Amino acid sequence: MHAPHVTVVIATHRRVDALRCTLRALVLQGHPDWTALVIGDRCGDETAEAIRAFHEPRIRYYNLPQRFGEQSGPNSAGLHLAEGDFVSFLNHDDLLLADHLIRALDRLAACNGDVYIGKFADATQLERADTGALVPVFTRILPAQEDLRVLVTADPWCFDPSSFWVIRTSYAKAVGPWRPARSLWRTPLRDWLMRAWRLGGTFCFGDRVTGLRFWTQNLRRGAPLYASATPEHEYMVDRLRNEGSDTIRSFIRQQVERAQGVARSGPRPRTPLPFAAGWVPACRWRLVSGQRMVLTNLYLHFGLDPVSLMGRLSRRPRGALLNWISQKRTGEDLPAQPTIQEFLRDPEAHRLL
């Protein structure tokens, strides 16, 4: 039986420091049979130079001829090129623990799954070590639940990011390309995952942390986030290289327990009356659960997405959320009408490495 091959699609734009760390962590994977397709969103020469320095034949680099402006274009380009058994969409500033692919593939094989969603730790704070190093502080482990019905809610971040998914390639291609943010009232990521859910495949979830996500760039004020160096990534990659995954998970667990202990030590809310503590929340839970079931059935059977329907009725502009995120990250507005058609006509013409 052959070892499954995984295509790792990495969309990138102007984050050379973080991308370098993401690739360093990827090279440490215990499962060696992978190819990384780094898709630059019209990046400068510095991105190619950083990738070339790896001298790693498993990493290929393509650069889109036109700026797309958000992740859905490069991800669609990478999905078009993806070969082998499985595909993953790894963000250019997220890190994988060394056993991520091994555990994902084992779980997919055990449940004959089509889509794997892994557990990850969120770094939301920073602190200084005694050595002076800037250390990320992990404060929570996600996803908090494994109920796909939550996808129909308005929360745009559920099961984000895509970095820790592993999808059967044939299934991902059946779901199709990522839709541009300008055409959606949801994020492209949530839209793609909802379409994958509606296709009816088998989803399975990780049972331990195998990935790291960083919100710490939000702590830096002033310049656009993509202009900031991220020494906390360097710190964690050094630990990933020198320590086993179980040791990293123990470090994360201690940090999360410390963060949760601080949260619990705050002022206690006033105890409500028994009537309010029991009957009212129970009724609210039943109402929310029943509403979610109705919305789930409307989506799965008829394709009616309540968030998109409300966006249409309220005449809210499509892509508003992603445009705000892009402004914060890069200081740029999204391009008016992106396209990857020129790239798709001849991808190899745009391959730099």
Protein backbone atom coordinates (compact mmCIF):
# COMPACT_ATOMS: atom_id res chain seq x y z
CA MET A 1 0.00 0.00 0.00
CA HIS A 2 1.50 3.34 -1.07
CA ALA A 3 1.98 6.24 1.33
CA PRO A 4 -0.66 8.94 0.69
CA HIS A 5 0.65 12.00 -1.09
CA VAL A 6 -0.46 15.40 0.24
CA THR A 7 -0.46 18.62 -1.77
CA VAL A 8 -0.09 21.60 0.58
CA VAL A 9 -1.37 24.83 -0.99
CA ILE A 10 0.08 27.99 0.59
CA ALA A 11 -1.34 31.35 -0.53
CA THR A 12 1.04 34.19 0.26
CA HIS A 13 1.49 37.93 -0.09
CA ARG A 14 4.13 40.14 1.54
CA ARG A 15 4.73 37.96 4.61
CA VAL A 16 8.21 36.63 3.88
CA ASP A 17 9.15 36.43 7.56
CA ALA A 18 6.13 34.33 8.50
CA LEU A 19 6.19 32.28 5.27
CA ARG A 20 9.78 31.28 5.96
CA CYS A 21 8.74 29.95 9.38
CA THR A 22 5.69 28.14 7.97
CA LEU A 23 7.90 26.35 5.44
CA ARG A 24 10.53 25.52 8.06
CA ALA A 25 7.83 23.84 10.14
CA LEU A 26 6.44 22.02 7.10
CA VAL A 27 9.84 20.53 6.29
CA LEU A 28 9.83 18.95 9.78
CA GLN A 29 6.75 16.83 9.00
CA GLY A 30 7.08 13.18 9.99
CA HIS A 31 5.08 12.23 6.89
CA PRO A 32 7.57 12.98 4.09
CA ASP A 33 5.38 12.43 1.02
CA TRP A 34 4.11 15.96 0.35
CA THR A 35 4.45 18.73 -2.19
CA ALA A 36 4.02 22.40 -1.26
CA LEU A 37 2.53 24.69 -3.89
CA VAL A 38 3.29 28.25 -2.76
CA ILE A 39 0.99 30.56 -4.74
CA GLY A 40 2.12 34.17 -4.61
CA ASP A 41 -0.52 36.85 -4.99
CA ARG A 42 1.73 38.86 -7.32
CA CYS A 43 4.58 38.88 -4.83
CA GLY A 44 7.91 40.65 -5.15
CA ASP A 45 11.31 39.05 -5.72
CA GLU A 46 11.90 38.69 -1.98
CA THR A 47 9.38 35.84 -1.77
CA ALA A 48 11.12 33.80 -4.47
CA GLU A 49 14.50 34.45 -2.84
CA ALA A 50 13.24 33.20 0.54
CA ILE A 51 11.84 30.00 -0.98
CA ARG A 52 14.93 29.39 -3.13
CA ALA A 53 17.09 29.42 0.00
CA PHE A 54 15.41 26.21 1.21
CA HIS A 55 16.84 24.13 -1.67
CA GLU A 56 13.82 21.89 -1.15
CA PRO A 57 12.56 20.09 -4.28
CA ARG A 58 9.18 19.43 -2.65
CA ILE A 59 8.42 23.18 -2.65
CA ARG A 60 7.18 24.72 -5.91
CA TYR A 61 6.53 28.43 -6.31
CA TYR A 62 4.07 30.10 -8.66
CA ASN A 63 3.30 33.81 -8.81
CA LEU A 64 -0.05 35.10 -10.06
CA PRO A 65 0.32 37.59 -12.92
CA GLN A 66 -2.40 39.83 -11.44
CA ARG A 67 -3.03 40.74 -7.81
CA PHE A 68 -6.11 38.89 -6.60
CA GLY A 69 -6.26 40.59 -3.21
CA GLU A 70 -7.34 37.71 -0.97
CA GLN A 71 -6.80 34.04 -0.32
CA SER A 72 -9.54 32.52 -2.47
CA GLY A 73 -7.73 33.18 -5.77
CA PRO A 74 -4.38 31.59 -4.85
CA ASN A 75 -6.20 28.71 -3.12
CA SER A 76 -8.25 28.03 -6.25
CA ALA A 77 -5.07 28.14 -8.35
CA GLY A 78 -3.42 25.65 -5.99
CA LEU A 79 -6.46 23.36 -6.00
CA HIS A 80 -6.37 23.37 -9.80
CA LEU A 81 -2.74 22.18 -9.68
CA ALA A 82 -3.17 19.73 -6.77
CA GLU A 83 -2.25 16.11 -7.43
CA GLY A 84 -2.06 13.02 -5.25
CA ASP A 85 -4.41 11.69 -2.61
CA PHE A 86 -5.04 14.66 -0.32
CA VAL A 87 -4.86 18.44 -0.33
CA SER A 88 -4.46 21.01 2.44
CA PHE A 89 -4.75 24.83 2.45
CA LEU A 90 -2.04 26.10 4.81
CA ASN A 91 -1.97 29.81 5.69
CA HIS A 92 1.41 31.49 5.26
CA ASP A 93 1.57 32.42 8.95
CA ASP A 94 0.38 29.20 10.64
CA LEU A 95 2.62 26.39 11.88
CA LEU A 96 2.14 22.63 11.80
CA LEU A 97 3.43 20.32 14.50
CA ALA A 98 5.63 17.55 13.13
CA ASP A 99 2.96 14.85 13.52
CA HIS A 100 0.10 16.84 11.92
CA LEU A 101 -0.04 15.00 8.59
CA ILE A 102 0.55 11.60 10.18
CA ARG A 103 -2.35 12.03 12.60
CA ALA A 104 -4.64 13.54 9.96
CA LEU A 105 -4.04 10.71 7.50
CA ASP A 106 -4.42 8.05 10.20
CA ARG A 107 -7.75 9.54 11.25
CA LEU A 108 -8.99 9.83 7.67
CA ALA A 109 -8.09 6.19 7.03
CA ALA A 110 -9.77 5.03 10.25
CA CYS A 111 -13.10 6.71 9.46
CA ASN A 112 -12.85 6.50 5.64
CA GLY A 113 -13.17 10.27 5.75
CA ASP A 114 -13.21 12.94 3.08
CA VAL A 115 -12.47 16.00 5.23
CA TYR A 116 -10.31 16.19 8.36
CA ILE A 117 -10.46 19.22 10.67
CA GLY A 118 -7.57 19.34 13.11
CA LYS A 119 -7.28 20.89 16.54
CA PHE A 120 -5.06 23.93 16.93
CA ALA A 121 -3.87 26.34 19.61
CA ASP A 122 -4.51 30.08 19.35
CA ALA A 123 -1.75 32.50 20.37
CA THR A 124 -3.42 35.76 21.35
CA GLN A 125 -0.81 37.29 23.70
CA LEU A 126 2.95 37.84 23.91
CA GLU A 127 5.42 37.75 26.80
CA ARG A 128 9.17 38.07 27.25
CA ALA A 129 11.21 35.03 28.27
CA ASP A 130 14.17 35.37 30.64
CA THR A 131 16.41 35.13 27.56
CA GLY A 132 14.67 38.15 26.04
CA ALA A 133 12.89 36.09 23.38
CA LEU A 134 9.37 37.13 22.44
CA VAL A 135 7.15 34.17 23.34
CA PRO A 136 3.61 33.59 22.03
CA VAL A 137 1.05 32.84 24.72
CA PHE A 138 -1.54 30.25 23.69
CA THR A 139 -4.87 30.90 25.40
CA ARG A 140 -7.37 28.51 23.79
CA ILE A 141 -7.71 25.31 21.80
CA LEU A 142 -10.10 25.17 18.85
CA PRO A 143 -12.42 24.17 17.30
CA ALA A 144 -14.51 24.18 20.45
CA GLN A 145 -17.13 21.84 18.99
CA GLU A 146 -17.51 19.24 16.27
CA ASP A 147 -21.12 19.99 15.30
CA LEU A 148 -21.17 21.03 11.63
CA ARG A 149 -24.65 22.51 12.07
CA VAL A 150 -23.00 25.60 13.59
CA LEU A 151 -21.87 26.45 10.05
CA VAL A 152 -25.29 27.96 9.29
CA THR A 153 -24.88 30.59 12.01
CA ALA A 154 -23.58 34.11 11.43
CA ASP A 155 -20.25 33.47 13.21
CA PRO A 156 -17.67 33.93 10.41
CA TRP A 157 -14.79 32.19 12.22
CA CYS A 158 -16.15 28.72 12.99
CA PHE A 159 -13.68 25.95 12.05
CA ASP A 160 -11.19 28.59 10.82
CA PRO A 161 -8.51 28.53 9.62
CA SER A 162 -8.19 26.07 6.72
CA SER A 163 -4.54 25.43 7.67
CA PHE A 164 -5.39 22.35 9.70
CA TRP A 165 -7.82 20.71 7.28
CA VAL A 166 -6.77 17.78 5.12
CA ILE A 167 -9.18 16.90 2.30
CA ARG A 168 -9.33 14.04 -0.16
CA THR A 169 -8.20 15.65 -3.43
CA SER A 170 -11.01 14.19 -5.53
CA TYR A 171 -13.53 15.46 -2.98
CA ALA A 172 -11.98 18.94 -2.86
CA LYS A 173 -12.11 19.19 -6.65
CA ALA A 174 -15.77 18.11 -6.55
CA VAL A 175 -16.48 20.98 -4.13
CA GLY A 176 -14.82 23.27 -6.65
CA PRO A 177 -12.81 26.52 -6.55
CA TRP A 178 -12.95 28.98 -3.69
CA ARG A 179 -15.39 31.76 -4.53
CA PRO A 180 -14.08 35.36 -4.41
CA ALA A 181 -15.02 37.45 -1.37
CA ARG A 182 -16.60 40.04 -3.63
CA SER A 183 -19.31 37.55 -4.58
CA LEU A 184 -20.17 36.53 -1.00
CA TRP A 185 -21.75 37.72 2.21
CA ARG A 186 -19.71 35.09 4.06
CA THR A 187 -15.97 34.57 4.03
CA PRO A 188 -14.67 32.44 1.13
CA LEU A 189 -13.39 29.92 3.68
CA ARG A 190 -16.79 29.44 5.33
CA ASP A 191 -18.51 29.30 1.95
CA TRP A 192 -16.12 26.58 0.71
CA LEU A 193 -16.48 24.50 3.86
CA MET A 194 -20.28 24.78 3.75
CA ARG A 195 -20.27 23.54 0.15
CA ALA A 196 -18.01 20.67 1.22
CA TRP A 197 -20.51 19.83 3.99
CA ARG A 198 -23.48 19.97 1.62
CA LEU A 199 -21.74 17.59 -0.79
CA GLY A 200 -22.40 14.88 1.80
CA GLY A 201 -18.94 13.52 2.55
CA THR A 202 -17.59 12.15 5.81
CA PHE A 203 -16.02 14.68 8.18
CA CYS A 204 -13.67 13.69 10.99
CA PHE A 205 -11.93 15.73 13.68
CA GLY A 206 -8.56 15.66 15.37
CA ASP A 207 -8.25 14.59 18.99
CA ARG A 208 -5.20 16.68 19.94
CA VAL A 209 -3.43 19.89 18.95
CA THR A 210 -1.36 19.58 15.78
CA GLY A 211 -1.31 23.21 14.61
CA LEU A 212 -0.57 26.72 15.82
CA ARG A 213 -2.36 29.91 14.81
CA PHE A 214 -1.13 33.40 15.67
CA TRP A 215 -3.26 36.48 16.37
CA THR A 216 -0.23 38.23 17.86
CA GLN A 217 0.30 40.50 14.85
CA ASN A 218 -2.84 42.33 16.03
CA LEU A 219 -0.87 43.49 19.09
CA ARG A 220 1.39 45.61 16.92
CA ARG A 221 0.06 49.07 16.23
CA GLY A 222 0.78 51.50 13.45
CA ALA A 223 2.00 49.89 10.22
CA PRO A 224 -0.16 47.40 8.31
CA LEU A 225 0.08 43.97 9.89
CA TYR A 226 1.87 42.42 6.94
CA ALA A 227 4.71 44.91 7.39
CA SER A 228 5.54 43.56 10.87
CA ALA A 229 8.24 41.06 11.73
CA THR A 230 7.09 38.08 13.77
CA PRO A 231 9.86 36.83 16.10
CA GLU A 232 7.28 34.74 17.97
CA HIS A 233 7.06 32.50 14.89
CA GLU A 234 10.83 32.06 14.97
CA TYR A 235 10.66 31.14 18.65
CA MET A 236 8.10 28.40 18.05
CA VAL A 237 9.85 26.99 14.97
CA ASP A 238 13.04 26.63 16.99
CA ARG A 239 11.08 24.69 19.59
CA LEU A 240 9.42 22.55 16.93
CA ARG A 241 12.84 21.67 15.53
CA ASN A 242 14.36 20.77 18.90
CA GLU A 243 11.43 19.22 20.80
CA GLY A 244 8.88 16.51 20.14
CA SER A 245 5.23 17.27 19.39
CA ASP A 246 4.10 15.91 22.76
CA THR A 247 6.46 18.33 24.53
CA ILE A 248 5.02 21.23 22.51
CA ARG A 249 1.49 20.10 23.40
CA SER A 250 2.43 20.01 27.08
CA PHE A 251 3.80 23.57 26.83
CA ILE A 252 0.56 24.70 25.16
CA ARG A 253 -1.63 22.94 27.71
CA GLN A 254 0.16 24.70 30.57
CA GLN A 255 -0.30 28.07 28.90
CA VAL A 256 -4.00 27.49 28.20
CA GLU A 257 -4.63 26.29 31.75
CA ARG A 258 -2.85 29.38 33.10
CA ALA A 259 -4.93 31.67 30.85
CA GLN A 260 -8.17 29.97 31.83
CA GLY A 261 -7.19 30.13 35.50
CA VAL A 262 -6.70 33.89 35.22
CA ALA A 263 -10.08 34.22 33.55
CA ARG A 264 -11.79 32.19 36.29
CA SER A 265 -10.13 34.28 39.01
CA GLY A 266 -12.06 37.38 37.91
CA PRO A 267 -15.21 38.63 39.63
CA ARG A 268 -17.94 36.00 39.80
CA PRO A 269 -21.26 36.88 38.22
CA ARG A 270 -24.21 37.28 40.54
CA THR A 271 -26.05 33.99 40.99
CA PRO A 272 -29.46 34.27 39.31
CA LEU A 273 -32.69 33.00 40.77
CA PRO A 274 -33.33 29.27 40.29
CA PHE A 275 -36.13 30.07 37.84
CA ALA A 276 -33.79 32.09 35.63
CA ALA A 277 -30.90 29.67 36.14
CA GLY A 278 -32.88 26.63 35.00
CA TRP A 279 -36.04 27.13 33.00
CA VAL A 280 -35.12 30.22 30.95
CA PRO A 281 -31.70 28.97 29.72
CA ALA A 282 -33.20 25.57 28.95
CA CYS A 283 -35.92 27.18 26.84
CA ARG A 284 -33.37 29.38 25.12
CA TRP A 285 -31.18 26.36 24.34
CA ARG A 286 -34.14 24.46 22.87
CA LEU A 287 -35.11 27.49 20.78
CA VAL A 288 -31.58 27.96 19.42
CA SER A 289 -31.20 24.22 18.78
CA GLY A 290 -34.53 24.05 16.97
CA GLN A 291 -33.73 27.13 14.91
CA ARG A 292 -30.34 25.72 13.94
CA MET A 293 -31.95 22.44 12.87
CA VAL A 294 -34.40 24.27 10.61
CA LEU A 295 -31.64 26.40 9.07
CA THR A 296 -29.48 23.31 8.60
CA ASN A 297 -32.22 21.48 6.71
CA LEU A 298 -32.93 24.52 4.54
CA TYR A 299 -29.28 24.70 3.59
CA LEU A 300 -28.52 21.00 3.11
CA HIS A 301 -31.70 20.22 1.16
CA PHE A 302 -32.33 23.47 -0.72
CA GLY A 303 -29.04 25.39 -0.58
CA LEU A 304 -30.64 28.34 1.25
CA ASP A 305 -27.94 30.06 3.32
CA PRO A 306 -29.58 32.31 5.95
CA VAL A 307 -26.60 34.68 6.17
CA SER A 308 -26.52 35.21 2.41
CA LEU A 309 -30.30 35.64 2.37
CA MET A 310 -30.14 38.31 5.09
CA GLY A 311 -27.28 40.04 3.29
CA ARG A 312 -29.31 40.16 0.10
CA LEU A 313 -32.45 41.45 1.85
CA SER A 314 -30.53 44.12 3.78
CA ARG A 315 -28.61 45.14 0.64
CA ARG A 316 -25.36 44.82 2.55
CA PRO A 317 -22.40 44.90 0.12
CA ARG A 318 -20.77 41.59 -0.63
CA GLY A 319 -17.18 41.18 0.48
CA ALA A 320 -17.37 43.91 3.14
CA LEU A 321 -15.80 41.73 5.85
CA LEU A 322 -12.86 40.63 3.70
CA ASN A 323 -12.26 44.17 2.48
CA TRP A 324 -12.00 45.36 6.09
CA ILE A 325 -9.57 42.52 6.89
CA SER A 326 -7.46 43.31 3.82
CA GLN A 327 -7.28 46.98 4.79
CA LYS A 328 -6.09 46.05 8.26
CA ARG A 329 -3.52 43.54 7.03
CA THR A 330 -2.03 45.23 3.99
CA GLY A 331 -3.42 48.77 3.90
CA GLU A 332 -4.93 48.04 0.49
CA ASP A 333 -8.44 47.83 -0.91
CA LEU A 334 -9.36 44.61 -2.69
CA PRO A 335 -8.94 44.82 -6.47
CA ALA A 336 -12.15 45.63 -8.30
CA GLN A 337 -12.51 42.38 -10.28
CA PRO A 338 -9.91 39.67 -9.69
CA THR A 339 -9.28 36.81 -12.05
CA ILE A 340 -6.93 33.84 -12.25
CA GLN A 341 -7.91 32.85 -15.80
CA GLU A 342 -4.58 33.94 -17.28
CA PHE A 343 -2.78 31.78 -14.72
CA LEU A 344 -5.01 28.77 -15.36
CA ARG A 345 -4.39 28.90 -19.12
CA ASP A 346 -0.69 28.16 -18.60
CA PRO A 347 0.33 27.71 -14.94
CA GLU A 348 3.88 26.63 -15.78
CA ALA A 349 4.50 29.97 -17.43
CA HIS A 350 4.12 31.51 -13.97
CA ARG A 351 6.21 28.97 -12.09
CA LEU A 352 9.37 30.56 -10.72
CA LEU A 353 10.77 27.58 -8.74
